[in-house]
């Protein structure tokens, strides 16, 4: 999720987690016993009504590319000849990636292990382990490579990691409220108060079939793999990012959990935002139908098509794509 840069954080620490570590102290989550009595009934009613009508479950769109009033699709992300190395060793991983994502589109990147898929996503969000050596990345018309990781989040970039980090001592509610208000501040909007935020986040929790008690638990601490993935998508739902990069959100999920996550992702799509998925599995493409499927090998995109391309390659025994 959002923002990245704290020297003591591990390389796998999510973007929002690293932002939290460097944020100033705050008090956001208020226990019912500490809330002034006029507000307690409202919060208790919210906690007692976890099954708020889910509004995020809609079918995946089959076409993308939002058009401007004058016609052509609006470019959200443009990557040109992007090359990057592992900073510590100098080993080149990305060898000239080219990609354009328009508003309203869903893109999937598939390929063999070690082909550069996850490295590409981490370079986009500014992971400190990688260094860009050539090429350019434009996001909403701005030079993404000139921005710090937290700036990339503030302008609308989100990343869901394969292995989200645990943050002991920090509740999900506090974490989400901090991230939500950080983005509001960047837009010049005033922060929301805890009670107002609780009423905003509760329907999103319900849409993911998550127990509202998750909001009181520490971020990802003791969570199963499926719970962590749902929690990442909850963060995406709260932040309403323009481009969501989902790195293998299907790994470790059973069919029911995958369907819940996919429905939530589909429900977040609008004509103005987009998704970039990284996956090995055709099953995810059945739930989140991409407009484009890209095949990556040796740090470059070698083929682009639609879902039929992925299905054909799987039938031919291509090792980078699996049915389940």
C-alpha atoms as a PDB file:
ATOM      1  CA  UNK A   1       0.000   0.000   0.000  1.00  0.00           C
ATOM      2  CA  UNK A   2       1.161   3.594   0.256  1.00  0.00           C
ATOM      3  CA  UNK A   3       4.498   5.154   0.906  1.00  0.00           C
ATOM      4  CA  UNK A   4       7.863   3.580   1.700  1.00  0.00           C
ATOM      5  CA  UNK A   5      11.045   4.998   3.344  1.00  0.00           C
ATOM      6  CA  UNK A   6      12.257   4.149   6.795  1.00  0.00           C
ATOM      7  CA  UNK A   7      15.735   2.817   7.352  1.00  0.00           C
ATOM      8  CA  UNK A   8      14.708   0.351  10.038  1.00  0.00           C
ATOM      9  CA  UNK A   9      11.876  -1.181   7.993  1.00  0.00           C
ATOM     10  CA  UNK A  10      12.424  -4.488   6.259  1.00  0.00           C
ATOM     11  CA  UNK A  11      12.491  -4.612   2.432  1.00  0.00           C
ATOM     12  CA  UNK A  12       9.079  -6.326   2.448  1.00  0.00           C
ATOM     13  CA  UNK A  13       7.432  -3.633   4.534  1.00  0.00           C
ATOM     14  CA  UNK A  14       4.382  -2.294   2.711  1.00  0.00           C
ATOM     15  CA  UNK A  15       4.309   1.263   1.469  1.00  0.00           C
ATOM     16  CA  UNK A  16       1.677   2.430   3.936  1.00  0.00           C
ATOM     17  CA  UNK A  17       3.434   0.652   6.772  1.00  0.00           C
ATOM     18  CA  UNK A  18       6.644   2.554   6.125  1.00  0.00           C
ATOM     19  CA  UNK A  19       4.737   5.801   5.973  1.00  0.00           C
ATOM     20  CA  UNK A  20       3.224   5.025   9.357  1.00  0.00           C
ATOM     21  CA  UNK A  21       6.646   4.420  10.863  1.00  0.00           C
ATOM     22  CA  UNK A  22       7.791   7.890   9.899  1.00  0.00           C
ATOM     23  CA  UNK A  23       4.537   9.709  10.643  1.00  0.00           C
ATOM     24  CA  UNK A  24       4.282  11.999  13.693  1.00  0.00           C
ATOM     25  CA  UNK A  25       2.557  10.628  16.800  1.00  0.00           C
ATOM     26  CA  UNK A  26      -1.211  10.731  16.774  1.00  0.00           C
ATOM     27  CA  UNK A  27      -4.216   9.327  18.610  1.00  0.00           C
ATOM     28  CA  UNK A  28      -6.941   8.147  16.306  1.00  0.00           C
ATOM     29  CA  UNK A  29      -8.684   5.010  17.540  1.00  0.00           C
ATOM     30  CA  UNK A  30     -10.916   5.732  20.510  1.00  0.00           C
ATOM     31  CA  UNK A  31     -12.277   2.927  22.624  1.00  0.00           C
ATOM     32  CA  UNK A  32     -16.013   3.181  23.388  1.00  0.00           C
ATOM     33  CA  UNK A  33     -15.293   3.666  27.091  1.00  0.00           C
ATOM     34  CA  UNK A  34     -13.273   6.797  26.343  1.00  0.00           C
ATOM     35  CA  UNK A  35     -15.715   8.405  23.923  1.00  0.00           C
ATOM     36  CA  UNK A  36     -17.923  11.175  25.315  1.00  0.00           C
ATOM     37  CA  UNK A  37     -21.314   9.744  26.176  1.00  0.00           C
ATOM     38  CA  UNK A  38     -23.272  11.521  23.397  1.00  0.00           C
ATOM     39  CA  UNK A  39     -21.182   9.642  20.797  1.00  0.00           C
ATOM     40  CA  UNK A  40     -21.106   6.188  22.388  1.00  0.00           C
ATOM     41  CA  UNK A  41     -24.480   4.946  21.103  1.00  0.00           C
ATOM     42  CA  UNK A  42     -23.475   5.711  17.525  1.00  0.00           C
ATOM     43  CA  UNK A  43     -20.194   3.812  17.702  1.00  0.00           C
ATOM     44  CA  UNK A  44     -21.784   0.904  19.536  1.00  0.00           C
ATOM     45  CA  UNK A  45     -24.507   0.671  16.895  1.00  0.00           C
ATOM     46  CA  UNK A  46     -21.839   0.567  14.214  1.00  0.00           C
ATOM     47  CA  UNK A  47     -19.981  -2.197  16.029  1.00  0.00           C
ATOM     48  CA  UNK A  48     -23.193  -4.137  16.572  1.00  0.00           C
ATOM     49  CA  UNK A  49     -24.167  -4.019  12.893  1.00  0.00           C
ATOM     50  CA  UNK A  50     -21.286  -5.637  10.998  1.00  0.00           C
ATOM     51  CA  UNK A  51     -23.399  -6.746   8.047  1.00  0.00           C
ATOM     52  CA  UNK A  52     -23.739  -3.407   6.373  1.00  0.00           C
ATOM     53  CA  UNK A  53     -24.851  -3.797   2.776  1.00  0.00           C
ATOM     54  CA  UNK A  54     -21.782  -4.447   0.656  1.00  0.00           C
ATOM     55  CA  UNK A  55     -21.453  -2.008  -2.204  1.00  0.00           C
ATOM     56  CA  UNK A  56     -18.256  -3.291  -3.778  1.00  0.00           C
ATOM     57  CA  UNK A  57     -19.513  -6.473  -5.449  1.00  0.00           C
ATOM     58  CA  UNK A  58     -20.069  -5.837  -9.135  1.00  0.00           C
ATOM     59  CA  UNK A  59     -19.094  -7.693 -12.267  1.00  0.00           C
ATOM     60  CA  UNK A  60     -15.654  -7.142 -13.726  1.00  0.00           C
ATOM     61  CA  UNK A  61     -15.757  -4.791 -16.703  1.00  0.00           C
ATOM     62  CA  UNK A  62     -14.906  -6.295 -20.072  1.00  0.00           C
ATOM     63  CA  UNK A  63     -13.663  -3.120 -21.677  1.00  0.00           C
ATOM     64  CA  UNK A  64     -11.510  -0.305 -20.395  1.00  0.00           C
ATOM     65  CA  UNK A  65      -9.957   2.951 -21.419  1.00  0.00           C
ATOM     66  CA  UNK A  66     -11.853   5.957 -20.164  1.00  0.00           C
ATOM     67  CA  UNK A  67     -12.272   8.532 -22.870  1.00  0.00           C
ATOM     68  CA  UNK A  68     -11.765  12.219 -22.450  1.00  0.00           C
ATOM     69  CA  UNK A  69     -14.522  14.560 -23.668  1.00  0.00           C
ATOM     70  CA  UNK A  70     -12.566  14.825 -26.926  1.00  0.00           C
ATOM     71  CA  UNK A  71     -12.357  11.086 -27.519  1.00  0.00           C
ATOM     72  CA  UNK A  72      -9.062   9.250 -26.940  1.00  0.00           C
ATOM     73  CA  UNK A  73      -8.326   7.261 -23.759  1.00  0.00           C
ATOM     74  CA  UNK A  74      -6.531   9.119 -20.985  1.00  0.00           C
ATOM     75  CA  UNK A  75      -3.081   7.745 -20.207  1.00  0.00           C
ATOM     76  CA  UNK A  76      -2.618   7.013 -16.507  1.00  0.00           C
ATOM     77  CA  UNK A  77       0.798   5.290 -16.526  1.00  0.00           C
ATOM     78  CA  UNK A  78       3.405   5.327 -19.279  1.00  0.00           C
ATOM     79  CA  UNK A  79       6.622   3.340 -18.950  1.00  0.00           C
ATOM     80  CA  UNK A  80       9.316   3.757 -21.604  1.00  0.00           C
ATOM     81  CA  UNK A  81      12.443   1.596 -21.944  1.00  0.00           C
ATOM     82  CA  UNK A  82      12.686   1.098 -18.197  1.00  0.00           C
ATOM     83  CA  UNK A  83      15.876  -0.560 -16.992  1.00  0.00           C
ATOM     84  CA  UNK A  84      16.729  -1.274 -13.360  1.00  0.00           C
ATOM     85  CA  UNK A  85      19.332  -3.114 -11.320  1.00  0.00           C
ATOM     86  CA  UNK A  86      19.576  -4.536  -7.826  1.00  0.00           C
ATOM     87  CA  UNK A  87      21.286  -1.692  -6.016  1.00  0.00           C
ATOM     88  CA  UNK A  88      23.554  -3.876  -3.874  1.00  0.00           C
ATOM     89  CA  UNK A  89      24.875  -6.195  -6.587  1.00  0.00           C
ATOM     90  CA  UNK A  90      24.348  -4.181  -9.759  1.00  0.00           C
ATOM     91  CA  UNK A  91      22.576  -7.132 -11.389  1.00  0.00           C
ATOM     92  CA  UNK A  92      20.248  -5.935 -14.120  1.00  0.00           C
ATOM     93  CA  UNK A  93      16.675  -7.217 -13.732  1.00  0.00           C
ATOM     94  CA  UNK A  94      14.597  -4.930 -15.940  1.00  0.00           C
ATOM     95  CA  UNK A  95      16.039  -4.644 -19.434  1.00  0.00           C
ATOM     96  CA  UNK A  96      13.734  -2.207 -21.222  1.00  0.00           C
ATOM     97  CA  UNK A  97      10.105  -2.449 -20.105  1.00  0.00           C
ATOM     98  CA  UNK A  98       7.484  -0.595 -22.136  1.00  0.00           C
ATOM     99  CA  UNK A  99       3.890  -0.324 -20.954  1.00  0.00           C
ATOM    100  CA  UNK A 100       0.953   2.073 -21.242  1.00  0.00           C
ATOM    101  CA  UNK A 101      -2.064   1.849 -18.920  1.00  0.00           C
ATOM    102  CA  UNK A 102      -5.064   4.042 -19.652  1.00  0.00           C
ATOM    103  CA  UNK A 103      -7.710   5.056 -17.156  1.00  0.00           C
ATOM    104  CA  UNK A 104     -10.337   2.367 -16.622  1.00  0.00           C
ATOM    105  CA  UNK A 105      -8.160  -0.546 -17.752  1.00  0.00           C
ATOM    106  CA  UNK A 106      -7.106  -3.788 -16.087  1.00  0.00           C
ATOM    107  CA  UNK A 107      -3.702  -5.200 -17.027  1.00  0.00           C
ATOM    108  CA  UNK A 108      -2.184  -8.522 -15.978  1.00  0.00           C
ATOM    109  CA  UNK A 109       1.512  -9.379 -16.119  1.00  0.00           C
ATOM    110  CA  UNK A 110       2.359 -13.078 -16.226  1.00  0.00           C
ATOM    111  CA  UNK A 111       5.574 -15.009 -16.697  1.00  0.00           C
ATOM    112  CA  UNK A 112       8.047 -17.415 -15.197  1.00  0.00           C
ATOM    113  CA  UNK A 113       9.632 -16.978 -11.782  1.00  0.00           C
ATOM    114  CA  UNK A 114      12.555 -14.584 -11.986  1.00  0.00           C
ATOM    115  CA  UNK A 115      11.295 -12.847 -15.117  1.00  0.00           C
ATOM    116  CA  UNK A 116      11.130  -9.444 -13.393  1.00  0.00           C
ATOM    117  CA  UNK A 117       7.409  -9.113 -12.659  1.00  0.00           C
ATOM    118  CA  UNK A 118       7.657  -8.295  -8.952  1.00  0.00           C
ATOM    119  CA  UNK A 119      10.783  -6.199  -9.499  1.00  0.00           C
ATOM    120  CA  UNK A 120       8.845  -4.095 -11.982  1.00  0.00           C
ATOM    121  CA  UNK A 121       6.095  -3.422  -9.459  1.00  0.00           C
ATOM    122  CA  UNK A 122       8.592  -2.538  -6.739  1.00  0.00           C
ATOM    123  CA  UNK A 123      10.461  -0.150  -9.017  1.00  0.00           C
ATOM    124  CA  UNK A 124       7.193   1.634  -9.783  1.00  0.00           C
ATOM    125  CA  UNK A 125       6.580   2.344  -6.102  1.00  0.00           C
ATOM    126  CA  UNK A 126      10.193   3.281  -5.357  1.00  0.00           C
ATOM    127  CA  UNK A 127      11.538   0.284  -3.444  1.00  0.00           C
ATOM    128  CA  UNK A 128      15.020   1.180  -2.124  1.00  0.00           C
ATOM    129  CA  UNK A 129      16.588  -2.148  -3.135  1.00  0.00           C
ATOM    130  CA  UNK A 130      16.433  -1.218  -6.830  1.00  0.00           C
ATOM    131  CA  UNK A 131      17.964   1.531  -8.919  1.00  0.00           C
ATOM    132  CA  UNK A 132      16.643   2.780 -12.236  1.00  0.00           C
ATOM    133  CA  UNK A 133      19.461   3.113 -14.779  1.00  0.00           C
ATOM    134  CA  UNK A 134      17.539   4.091 -17.916  1.00  0.00           C
ATOM    135  CA  UNK A 135      14.073   4.950 -19.112  1.00  0.00           C
ATOM    136  CA  UNK A 136      11.153   6.976 -17.827  1.00  0.00           C
ATOM    137  CA  UNK A 137       7.905   6.486 -15.916  1.00  0.00           C
ATOM    138  CA  UNK A 138       5.069   9.006 -16.139  1.00  0.00           C
ATOM    139  CA  UNK A 139       2.044   8.783 -13.837  1.00  0.00           C
ATOM    140  CA  UNK A 140      -0.855  11.180 -14.425  1.00  0.00           C
ATOM    141  CA  UNK A 141       1.542  13.288 -16.457  1.00  0.00           C
ATOM    142  CA  UNK A 142       4.129  13.560 -13.670  1.00  0.00           C
ATOM    143  CA  UNK A 143       7.618  12.089 -13.526  1.00  0.00           C
ATOM    144  CA  UNK A 144       7.179   9.233 -11.086  1.00  0.00           C
ATOM    145  CA  UNK A 145      10.908   8.578 -10.765  1.00  0.00           C
ATOM    146  CA  UNK A 146      11.467  12.041  -9.289  1.00  0.00           C
ATOM    147  CA  UNK A 147       9.105  11.305  -6.393  1.00  0.00           C
ATOM    148  CA  UNK A 148       9.801   9.774  -3.008  1.00  0.00           C
ATOM    149  CA  UNK A 149       7.784   6.614  -2.287  1.00  0.00           C
ATOM    150  CA  UNK A 150       5.339   8.434  -0.025  1.00  0.00           C
ATOM    151  CA  UNK A 151       4.767  11.070  -2.720  1.00  0.00           C
ATOM    152  CA  UNK A 152       3.908   8.303  -5.180  1.00  0.00           C
ATOM    153  CA  UNK A 153       1.272   7.081  -2.779  1.00  0.00           C
ATOM    154  CA  UNK A 154      -0.160  10.543  -2.243  1.00  0.00           C
ATOM    155  CA  UNK A 155      -0.648  11.072  -5.983  1.00  0.00           C
ATOM    156  CA  UNK A 156      -2.627   7.814  -6.234  1.00  0.00           C
ATOM    157  CA  UNK A 157      -0.333   4.779  -6.461  1.00  0.00           C
ATOM    158  CA  UNK A 158      -1.064   1.698  -4.334  1.00  0.00           C
ATOM    159  CA  UNK A 159       0.751  -1.600  -4.024  1.00  0.00           C
ATOM    160  CA  UNK A 160      -0.370  -4.809  -2.392  1.00  0.00           C
ATOM    161  CA  UNK A 161       2.620  -6.995  -1.482  1.00  0.00           C
ATOM    162  CA  UNK A 162       2.873 -10.776  -1.583  1.00  0.00           C
ATOM    163  CA  UNK A 163       3.816 -10.924   2.108  1.00  0.00           C
ATOM    164  CA  UNK A 164       2.383  -7.916   3.987  1.00  0.00           C
ATOM    165  CA  UNK A 165       4.356  -6.892   7.052  1.00  0.00           C
ATOM    166  CA  UNK A 166       3.040  -7.146  10.619  1.00  0.00           C
ATOM    167  CA  UNK A 167       3.004  -3.988  12.761  1.00  0.00           C
ATOM    168  CA  UNK A 168       2.654  -4.945  16.443  1.00  0.00           C
ATOM    169  CA  UNK A 169       1.025  -2.369  18.672  1.00  0.00           C
ATOM    170  CA  UNK A 170      -0.764  -0.512  15.875  1.00  0.00           C
ATOM    171  CA  UNK A 171      -4.438  -1.257  15.290  1.00  0.00           C
ATOM    172  CA  UNK A 172      -5.870  -1.530  11.810  1.00  0.00           C
ATOM    173  CA  UNK A 173      -8.233   1.312  12.630  1.00  0.00           C
ATOM    174  CA  UNK A 174      -5.410   3.679  13.598  1.00  0.00           C
ATOM    175  CA  UNK A 175      -3.369   2.640  10.579  1.00  0.00           C
ATOM    176  CA  UNK A 176      -6.185   3.108   8.078  1.00  0.00           C
ATOM    177  CA  UNK A 177      -7.238   6.447   9.579  1.00  0.00           C
ATOM    178  CA  UNK A 178      -3.663   7.725   9.423  1.00  0.00           C
ATOM    179  CA  UNK A 179      -3.253   6.697   5.770  1.00  0.00           C
ATOM    180  CA  UNK A 180      -6.670   8.068   4.813  1.00  0.00           C
ATOM    181  CA  UNK A 181      -6.010  11.457   6.412  1.00  0.00           C
ATOM    182  CA  UNK A 182      -2.499  11.629   4.936  1.00  0.00           C
ATOM    183  CA  UNK A 183      -3.970  11.402   1.448  1.00  0.00           C
ATOM    184  CA  UNK A 184      -6.660  13.952   2.317  1.00  0.00           C
ATOM    185  CA  UNK A 185      -3.995  16.380   3.513  1.00  0.00           C
ATOM    186  CA  UNK A 186      -2.165  15.970   0.215  1.00  0.00           C
ATOM    187  CA  UNK A 187      -5.385  16.952  -1.580  1.00  0.00           C
ATOM    188  CA  UNK A 188      -5.832  19.977   0.663  1.00  0.00           C
ATOM    189  CA  UNK A 189      -8.780  18.442   2.514  1.00  0.00           C
ATOM    190  CA  UNK A 190      -9.323  18.499   6.286  1.00  0.00           C
ATOM    191  CA  UNK A 191      -8.826  15.266   8.276  1.00  0.00           C
ATOM    192  CA  UNK A 192     -11.831  13.203   9.329  1.00  0.00           C
ATOM    193  CA  UNK A 193     -12.528  12.358  12.959  1.00  0.00           C
ATOM    194  CA  UNK A 194     -12.519   8.736  14.255  1.00  0.00           C
ATOM    195  CA  UNK A 195     -16.305   8.385  14.485  1.00  0.00           C
ATOM    196  CA  UNK A 196     -16.848   9.700  10.976  1.00  0.00           C
ATOM    197  CA  UNK A 197     -14.131   7.398   9.662  1.00  0.00           C
ATOM    198  CA  UNK A 198     -15.653   4.381  11.414  1.00  0.00           C
ATOM    199  CA  UNK A 199     -18.927   4.890   9.565  1.00  0.00           C
ATOM    200  CA  UNK A 200     -16.967   5.193   6.312  1.00  0.00           C
ATOM    201  CA  UNK A 201     -14.836   2.078   6.741  1.00  0.00           C
ATOM    202  CA  UNK A 202     -17.512  -0.285   8.098  1.00  0.00           C
ATOM    203  CA  UNK A 203     -19.275  -0.897   4.749  1.00  0.00           C
ATOM    204  CA  UNK A 204     -15.913  -1.632   3.144  1.00  0.00           C
ATOM    205  CA  UNK A 205     -15.146  -4.204   5.843  1.00  0.00           C
ATOM    206  CA  UNK A 206     -18.527  -5.830   5.252  1.00  0.00           C
ATOM    207  CA  UNK A 207     -17.966  -5.953   1.492  1.00  0.00           C
ATOM    208  CA  UNK A 208     -14.863  -8.060   2.060  1.00  0.00           C
ATOM    209  CA  UNK A 209     -16.683 -10.421   4.432  1.00  0.00           C
ATOM    210  CA  UNK A 210     -14.301  -9.382   7.184  1.00  0.00           C
ATOM    211  CA  UNK A 211     -15.256  -9.406  10.844  1.00  0.00           C
ATOM    212  CA  UNK A 212     -15.410  -5.784  12.117  1.00  0.00           C
ATOM    213  CA  UNK A 213     -13.194  -6.891  15.016  1.00  0.00           C
ATOM    214  CA  UNK A 214     -10.325  -6.866  12.502  1.00  0.00           C
ATOM    215  CA  UNK A 215     -10.265  -3.101  12.920  1.00  0.00           C
ATOM    216  CA  UNK A 216      -9.228  -3.527  16.559  1.00  0.00           C
ATOM    217  CA  UNK A 217      -6.486  -6.052  15.804  1.00  0.00           C
ATOM    218  CA  UNK A 218      -2.900  -5.012  15.198  1.00  0.00           C
ATOM    219  CA  UNK A 219      -1.959  -4.644  11.552  1.00  0.00           C
ATOM    220  CA  UNK A 220      -1.576  -8.169  10.107  1.00  0.00           C
ATOM    221  CA  UNK A 221      -0.389  -9.530  13.469  1.00  0.00           C
ATOM    222  CA  UNK A 222      -1.425 -13.177  13.708  1.00  0.00           C
ATOM    223  CA  UNK A 223      -3.382 -12.940  10.465  1.00  0.00           C
ATOM    224  CA  UNK A 224      -3.633 -15.893   8.101  1.00  0.00           C
ATOM    225  CA  UNK A 225      -2.458 -15.445   4.521  1.00  0.00           C
ATOM    226  CA  UNK A 226      -6.017 -14.894   3.364  1.00  0.00           C
ATOM    227  CA  UNK A 227      -6.713 -12.369   6.104  1.00  0.00           C
ATOM    228  CA  UNK A 228      -3.629 -10.389   5.139  1.00  0.00           C
ATOM    229  CA  UNK A 229      -4.744 -10.253   1.503  1.00  0.00           C
ATOM    230  CA  UNK A 230      -8.223  -9.094   2.464  1.00  0.00           C
ATOM    231  CA  UNK A 231      -6.638  -6.477   4.693  1.00  0.00           C
ATOM    232  CA  UNK A 232      -4.552  -5.175   1.786  1.00  0.00           C
ATOM    233  CA  UNK A 233      -7.654  -4.805  -0.375  1.00  0.00           C
ATOM    234  CA  UNK A 234      -9.396  -3.031   2.511  1.00  0.00           C
ATOM    235  CA  UNK A 235      -6.522  -0.538   2.499  1.00  0.00           C
ATOM    236  CA  UNK A 236      -7.023  -0.061  -1.242  1.00  0.00           C
ATOM    237  CA  UNK A 237     -10.750   0.480  -0.732  1.00  0.00           C
ATOM    238  CA  UNK A 238     -10.101   3.131   1.914  1.00  0.00           C
ATOM    239  CA  UNK A 239      -7.437   5.015  -0.052  1.00  0.00           C
ATOM    240  CA  UNK A 240      -9.255   4.895  -3.421  1.00  0.00           C
ATOM    241  CA  UNK A 241      -5.981   4.961  -5.362  1.00  0.00           C
ATOM    242  CA  UNK A 242      -6.003   5.639  -9.091  1.00  0.00           C
ATOM    243  CA  UNK A 243      -3.617   2.767  -9.874  1.00  0.00           C
ATOM    244  CA  UNK A 244      -3.589  -0.416  -7.808  1.00  0.00           C
ATOM    245  CA  UNK A 245      -0.632  -2.766  -8.271  1.00  0.00           C
ATOM    246  CA  UNK A 246      -1.649  -6.188  -6.971  1.00  0.00           C
ATOM    247  CA  UNK A 247       1.315  -8.549  -6.623  1.00  0.00           C
ATOM    248  CA  UNK A 248      -0.027 -12.115  -6.490  1.00  0.00           C
ATOM    249  CA  UNK A 249      -3.087 -11.353  -4.375  1.00  0.00           C
ATOM    250  CA  UNK A 250      -4.331 -14.844  -5.265  1.00  0.00           C
ATOM    251  CA  UNK A 251      -1.490 -16.711  -3.572  1.00  0.00           C
ATOM    252  CA  UNK A 252      -2.597 -18.593  -0.461  1.00  0.00           C
ATOM    253  CA  UNK A 253      -6.310 -17.925  -0.985  1.00  0.00           C
ATOM    254  CA  UNK A 254      -8.989 -20.578  -1.187  1.00  0.00           C
ATOM    255  CA  UNK A 255     -11.763 -20.213  -3.763  1.00  0.00           C
ATOM    256  CA  UNK A 256     -14.187 -18.401  -1.446  1.00  0.00           C
ATOM    257  CA  UNK A 257     -11.588 -15.920  -0.240  1.00  0.00           C
ATOM    258  CA  UNK A 258     -10.377 -15.299  -3.787  1.00  0.00           C
ATOM    259  CA  UNK A 259     -13.924 -14.575  -4.935  1.00  0.00           C
ATOM    260  CA  UNK A 260     -14.446 -12.117  -2.070  1.00  0.00           C
ATOM    261  CA  UNK A 261     -11.208 -10.300  -2.858  1.00  0.00           C
ATOM    262  CA  UNK A 262     -11.912 -10.266  -6.603  1.00  0.00           C
ATOM    263  CA  UNK A 263     -15.437  -8.899  -6.096  1.00  0.00           C
ATOM    264  CA  UNK A 264     -14.053  -6.143  -3.912  1.00  0.00           C
ATOM    265  CA  UNK A 265     -11.415  -5.228  -6.500  1.00  0.00           C
ATOM    266  CA  UNK A 266     -14.009  -5.233  -9.289  1.00  0.00           C
ATOM    267  CA  UNK A 267     -16.281  -3.042  -7.211  1.00  0.00           C
ATOM    268  CA  UNK A 268     -13.550  -0.458  -6.748  1.00  0.00           C
ATOM    269  CA  UNK A 269     -13.055   0.007 -10.481  1.00  0.00           C
ATOM    270  CA  UNK A 270     -14.303   3.199 -12.065  1.00  0.00           C
ATOM    271  CA  UNK A 271     -13.719   4.772 -15.501  1.00  0.00           C
ATOM    272  CA  UNK A 272     -10.904   6.770 -13.911  1.00  0.00           C
ATOM    273  CA  UNK A 273      -8.797   4.186 -12.078  1.00  0.00           C
ATOM    274  CA  UNK A 274      -6.904   1.102 -13.177  1.00  0.00           C
ATOM    275  CA  UNK A 275      -5.395  -2.152 -11.932  1.00  0.00           C
ATOM    276  CA  UNK A 276      -2.074  -3.825 -12.697  1.00  0.00           C
ATOM    277  CA  UNK A 277      -2.117  -7.472 -11.547  1.00  0.00           C
ATOM    278  CA  UNK A 278       0.853  -9.792 -11.260  1.00  0.00           C
ATOM    279  CA  UNK A 279      -0.090 -13.446 -11.240  1.00  0.00           C
ATOM    280  CA  UNK A 280       0.765 -16.957 -12.416  1.00  0.00           C
ATOM    281  CA  UNK A 281      -2.781 -18.246 -12.277  1.00  0.00           C
ATOM    282  CA  UNK A 282      -5.568 -18.274 -14.837  1.00  0.00           C
ATOM    283  CA  UNK A 283      -8.126 -18.581 -12.059  1.00  0.00           C
ATOM    284  CA  UNK A 284      -7.595 -14.946 -11.057  1.00  0.00           C
ATOM    285  CA  UNK A 285      -8.275 -13.858 -14.626  1.00  0.00           C
ATOM    286  CA  UNK A 286     -11.660 -15.589 -14.403  1.00  0.00           C
ATOM    287  CA  UNK A 287     -12.685 -13.320 -11.520  1.00  0.00           C
ATOM    288  CA  UNK A 288     -10.915 -10.095 -12.511  1.00  0.00           C
ATOM    289  CA  UNK A 289     -11.123 -10.007 -16.289  1.00  0.00           C
ATOM    290  CA  UNK A 290      -8.161  -8.005 -17.651  1.00  0.00           C
ATOM    291  CA  UNK A 291      -8.265  -5.956 -20.818  1.00  0.00           C
ATOM    292  CA  UNK A 292      -4.654  -6.862 -21.529  1.00  0.00           C
ATOM    293  CA  UNK A 293      -2.355  -9.737 -20.595  1.00  0.00           C
ATOM    294  CA  UNK A 294       1.388  -9.155 -20.867  1.00  0.00           C
ATOM    295  CA  UNK A 295       3.990 -11.912 -20.823  1.00  0.00           C
ATOM    296  CA  UNK A 296       7.329 -10.950 -19.273  1.00  0.00           C
ATOM    297  CA  UNK A 297      10.611 -12.775 -19.752  1.00  0.00           C
ATOM    298  CA  UNK A 298      14.164 -11.727 -18.908  1.00  0.00           C
ATOM    299  CA  UNK A 299      13.086  -8.278 -17.783  1.00  0.00           C
ATOM    300  CA  UNK A 300      11.048  -7.247 -20.821  1.00  0.00           C
ATOM    301  CA  UNK A 301       7.469  -7.702 -22.034  1.00  0.00           C
ATOM    302  CA  UNK A 302       7.640 -10.094 -24.976  1.00  0.00           C
ATOM    303  CA  UNK A 303       3.938 -10.587 -25.784  1.00  0.00           C
ATOM    304  CA  UNK A 304       0.686  -8.734 -25.224  1.00  0.00           C
ATOM    305  CA  UNK A 305      -2.838  -9.977 -25.805  1.00  0.00           C
ATOM    306  CA  UNK A 306      -5.999 -10.745 -23.902  1.00  0.00           C
ATOM    307  CA  UNK A 307      -7.041 -13.662 -21.696  1.00  0.00           C
ATOM    308  CA  UNK A 308      -7.020 -15.969 -24.707  1.00  0.00           C
ATOM    309  CA  UNK A 309      -3.255 -15.474 -24.962  1.00  0.00           C
ATOM    310  CA  UNK A 310      -2.761 -16.722 -21.411  1.00  0.00           C
ATOM    311  CA  UNK A 311      -5.040 -19.702 -22.006  1.00  0.00           C
ATOM    312  CA  UNK A 312      -3.233 -20.654 -25.210  1.00  0.00           C
ATOM    313  CA  UNK A 313       0.191 -20.448 -23.573  1.00  0.00           C
ATOM    314  CA  UNK A 314      -1.016 -22.602 -20.672  1.00  0.00           C
ATOM    315  CA  UNK A 315      -2.266 -25.241 -23.114  1.00  0.00           C
ATOM    316  CA  UNK A 316       1.129 -25.198 -24.804  1.00  0.00           C
ATOM    317  CA  UNK A 317       2.789 -25.942 -21.462  1.00  0.00           C
ATOM    318  CA  UNK A 318       4.303 -22.519 -20.823  1.00  0.00           C
ATOM    319  CA  UNK A 319       5.789 -22.687 -17.320  1.00  0.00           C
ATOM    320  CA  UNK A 320       4.851 -19.145 -16.337  1.00  0.00           C
ATOM    321  CA  UNK A 321       1.105 -19.774 -16.317  1.00  0.00           C
ATOM    322  CA  UNK A 322      -0.873 -22.262 -14.278  1.00  0.00           C
ATOM    323  CA  UNK A 323      -4.555 -23.181 -14.056  1.00  0.00           C
ATOM    324  CA  UNK A 324      -4.585 -23.227 -10.252  1.00  0.00           C
END
